[in-house]
């Protein structure tokens, strides 16, 4: 029940901030400061709750950073494929696709 009211809106807000290139580094720096700071929503002196909030924040941050990097890698791959196709067309090379079967 609490996840619906707190977790999902927080994750969406955090994701949107990270995906905005203007605020990305500020949010990542703030996340790092939050993780090492003794002042938390649930202080680390409460063994499970203190570690849980830090773990959730770290997990969300790492997940979003990984997703951003994968999106960037995908975009670079698409650009490389487009450049390769353009170069093939410009050099008048013909590409032939052949279906093959291994014979043993």
C-alpha atoms as a PDB file:
ATOM      1  CA  UNK A   1       0.000   0.000   0.000  1.00  0.00           C
ATOM      2  CA  UNK A   2       2.791   2.429   0.899  1.00  0.00           C
ATOM      3  CA  UNK A   3       4.611   1.538  -2.319  1.00  0.00           C
ATOM      4  CA  UNK A   4       1.712   2.857  -4.367  1.00  0.00           C
ATOM      5  CA  UNK A   5       1.673   6.204  -2.547  1.00  0.00           C
ATOM      6  CA  UNK A   6       5.404   6.714  -2.040  1.00  0.00           C
ATOM      7  CA  UNK A   7       7.522   4.290  -4.074  1.00  0.00           C
ATOM      8  CA  UNK A   8       6.178   4.662  -7.599  1.00  0.00           C
ATOM      9  CA  UNK A   9       5.862   8.478  -7.629  1.00  0.00           C
ATOM     10  CA  UNK A  10       9.350   8.801  -6.117  1.00  0.00           C
ATOM     11  CA  UNK A  11      10.866   6.452  -8.703  1.00  0.00           C
ATOM     12  CA  UNK A  12       9.160   8.297 -11.562  1.00  0.00           C
ATOM     13  CA  UNK A  13      10.310  11.676 -10.234  1.00  0.00           C
ATOM     14  CA  UNK A  14      13.878  10.437  -9.725  1.00  0.00           C
ATOM     15  CA  UNK A  15      13.942   8.814 -13.193  1.00  0.00           C
ATOM     16  CA  UNK A  16      12.761  12.021 -14.865  1.00  0.00           C
ATOM     17  CA  UNK A  17      15.422  14.058 -13.066  1.00  0.00           C
ATOM     18  CA  UNK A  18      18.180  11.659 -14.104  1.00  0.00           C
ATOM     19  CA  UNK A  19      17.034  11.569 -17.724  1.00  0.00           C
ATOM     20  CA  UNK A  20      17.103  15.365 -17.879  1.00  0.00           C
ATOM     21  CA  UNK A  21      20.698  16.121 -18.840  1.00  0.00           C
ATOM     22  CA  UNK A  22      20.512  19.544 -17.188  1.00  0.00           C
ATOM     23  CA  UNK A  23      20.042  18.069 -13.690  1.00  0.00           C
ATOM     24  CA  UNK A  24      21.659  14.639 -14.056  1.00  0.00           C
ATOM     25  CA  UNK A  25      24.973  15.373 -12.346  1.00  0.00           C
ATOM     26  CA  UNK A  26      23.345  17.409  -9.578  1.00  0.00           C
ATOM     27  CA  UNK A  27      20.978  14.527  -8.802  1.00  0.00           C
ATOM     28  CA  UNK A  28      23.799  11.960  -8.862  1.00  0.00           C
ATOM     29  CA  UNK A  29      25.907  14.112  -6.567  1.00  0.00           C
ATOM     30  CA  UNK A  30      22.931  14.592  -4.226  1.00  0.00           C
ATOM     31  CA  UNK A  31      22.349  10.834  -4.210  1.00  0.00           C
ATOM     32  CA  UNK A  32      25.976  10.198  -3.306  1.00  0.00           C
ATOM     33  CA  UNK A  33      25.826  12.787  -0.520  1.00  0.00           C
ATOM     34  CA  UNK A  34      22.606  11.205   0.792  1.00  0.00           C
ATOM     35  CA  UNK A  35      24.189   7.752   0.838  1.00  0.00           C
ATOM     36  CA  UNK A  36      27.261   8.815   2.828  1.00  0.00           C
ATOM     37  CA  UNK A  37      25.477  11.336   5.045  1.00  0.00           C
ATOM     38  CA  UNK A  38      24.464  10.289   8.555  1.00  0.00           C
ATOM     39  CA  UNK A  39      21.262  12.346   8.140  1.00  0.00           C
ATOM     40  CA  UNK A  40      18.729  10.078   6.391  1.00  0.00           C
ATOM     41  CA  UNK A  41      15.026   9.376   6.289  1.00  0.00           C
ATOM     42  CA  UNK A  42      15.840   6.350   8.450  1.00  0.00           C
ATOM     43  CA  UNK A  43      19.234   6.766  10.178  1.00  0.00           C
ATOM     44  CA  UNK A  44      21.693   3.875   9.974  1.00  0.00           C
ATOM     45  CA  UNK A  45      21.584   3.434  13.746  1.00  0.00           C
ATOM     46  CA  UNK A  46      18.316   1.515  13.172  1.00  0.00           C
ATOM     47  CA  UNK A  47      19.873  -1.600  11.667  1.00  0.00           C
ATOM     48  CA  UNK A  48      17.338  -2.792   9.089  1.00  0.00           C
ATOM     49  CA  UNK A  49      15.444   0.402   8.265  1.00  0.00           C
ATOM     50  CA  UNK A  50      18.611   2.477   8.036  1.00  0.00           C
ATOM     51  CA  UNK A  51      20.185   0.128   5.543  1.00  0.00           C
ATOM     52  CA  UNK A  52      16.969  -0.420   3.638  1.00  0.00           C
ATOM     53  CA  UNK A  53      16.446   3.207   2.588  1.00  0.00           C
ATOM     54  CA  UNK A  54      20.098   3.542   1.526  1.00  0.00           C
ATOM     55  CA  UNK A  55      19.869   0.277  -0.401  1.00  0.00           C
ATOM     56  CA  UNK A  56      16.727   1.353  -2.221  1.00  0.00           C
ATOM     57  CA  UNK A  57      18.185   4.717  -3.209  1.00  0.00           C
ATOM     58  CA  UNK A  58      21.429   3.080  -4.385  1.00  0.00           C
ATOM     59  CA  UNK A  59      19.502   0.439  -6.347  1.00  0.00           C
ATOM     60  CA  UNK A  60      17.320   3.014  -8.082  1.00  0.00           C
ATOM     61  CA  UNK A  61      20.355   5.164  -8.928  1.00  0.00           C
ATOM     62  CA  UNK A  62      22.387   2.253 -10.319  1.00  0.00           C
ATOM     63  CA  UNK A  63      19.409   0.950 -12.307  1.00  0.00           C
ATOM     64  CA  UNK A  64      18.749   4.322 -13.909  1.00  0.00           C
ATOM     65  CA  UNK A  65      22.419   4.976 -14.679  1.00  0.00           C
ATOM     66  CA  UNK A  66      22.674   1.535 -16.297  1.00  0.00           C
ATOM     67  CA  UNK A  67      19.553   2.204 -18.360  1.00  0.00           C
ATOM     68  CA  UNK A  68      20.926   5.562 -19.530  1.00  0.00           C
ATOM     69  CA  UNK A  69      24.220   3.924 -20.557  1.00  0.00           C
ATOM     70  CA  UNK A  70      22.429   1.111 -22.408  1.00  0.00           C
ATOM     71  CA  UNK A  71      20.262   3.645 -24.259  1.00  0.00           C
ATOM     72  CA  UNK A  72      23.360   5.582 -25.234  1.00  0.00           C
ATOM     73  CA  UNK A  73      25.100   2.425 -26.425  1.00  0.00           C
ATOM     74  CA  UNK A  74      22.023   1.497 -28.471  1.00  0.00           C
ATOM     75  CA  UNK A  75      21.967   4.967 -30.053  1.00  0.00           C
ATOM     76  CA  UNK A  76      25.680   4.756 -30.956  1.00  0.00           C
ATOM     77  CA  UNK A  77      25.129   1.327 -32.500  1.00  0.00           C
ATOM     78  CA  UNK A  78      22.267   2.666 -34.619  1.00  0.00           C
ATOM     79  CA  UNK A  79      24.409   5.582 -35.766  1.00  0.00           C
ATOM     80  CA  UNK A  80      27.258   3.197 -36.648  1.00  0.00           C
ATOM     81  CA  UNK A  81      24.896   0.986 -38.669  1.00  0.00           C
ATOM     82  CA  UNK A  82      23.534   4.023 -40.500  1.00  0.00           C
ATOM     83  CA  UNK A  83      27.052   5.241 -41.303  1.00  0.00           C
ATOM     84  CA  UNK A  84      28.074   1.778 -42.511  1.00  0.00           C
ATOM     85  CA  UNK A  85      25.022   1.538 -44.755  1.00  0.00           C
ATOM     86  CA  UNK A  86      25.674   5.007 -46.131  1.00  0.00           C
ATOM     87  CA  UNK A  87      29.307   4.127 -46.857  1.00  0.00           C
ATOM     88  CA  UNK A  88      28.257   0.903 -48.590  1.00  0.00           C
ATOM     89  CA  UNK A  89      25.841   2.812 -50.816  1.00  0.00           C
ATOM     90  CA  UNK A  90      28.412   5.476 -51.573  1.00  0.00           C
ATOM     91  CA  UNK A  91      31.095   2.982 -52.616  1.00  0.00           C
ATOM     92  CA  UNK A  92      28.697   1.044 -54.894  1.00  0.00           C
ATOM     93  CA  UNK A  93      29.230  -2.180 -52.991  1.00  0.00           C
ATOM     94  CA  UNK A  94      26.498  -4.770 -53.230  1.00  0.00           C
ATOM     95  CA  UNK A  95      25.491  -6.719 -50.161  1.00  0.00           C
ATOM     96  CA  UNK A  96      24.016 -10.143 -50.778  1.00  0.00           C
ATOM     97  CA  UNK A  97      22.242 -12.025 -47.989  1.00  0.00           C
ATOM     98  CA  UNK A  98      22.513 -15.776 -48.328  1.00  0.00           C
ATOM     99  CA  UNK A  99      20.662 -18.408 -46.321  1.00  0.00           C
ATOM    100  CA  UNK A 100      23.077 -21.187 -45.435  1.00  0.00           C
ATOM    101  CA  UNK A 101      22.884 -24.635 -43.909  1.00  0.00           C
ATOM    102  CA  UNK A 102      25.757 -26.397 -42.176  1.00  0.00           C
ATOM    103  CA  UNK A 103      26.619 -29.744 -43.714  1.00  0.00           C
ATOM    104  CA  UNK A 104      28.465 -32.160 -41.524  1.00  0.00           C
END
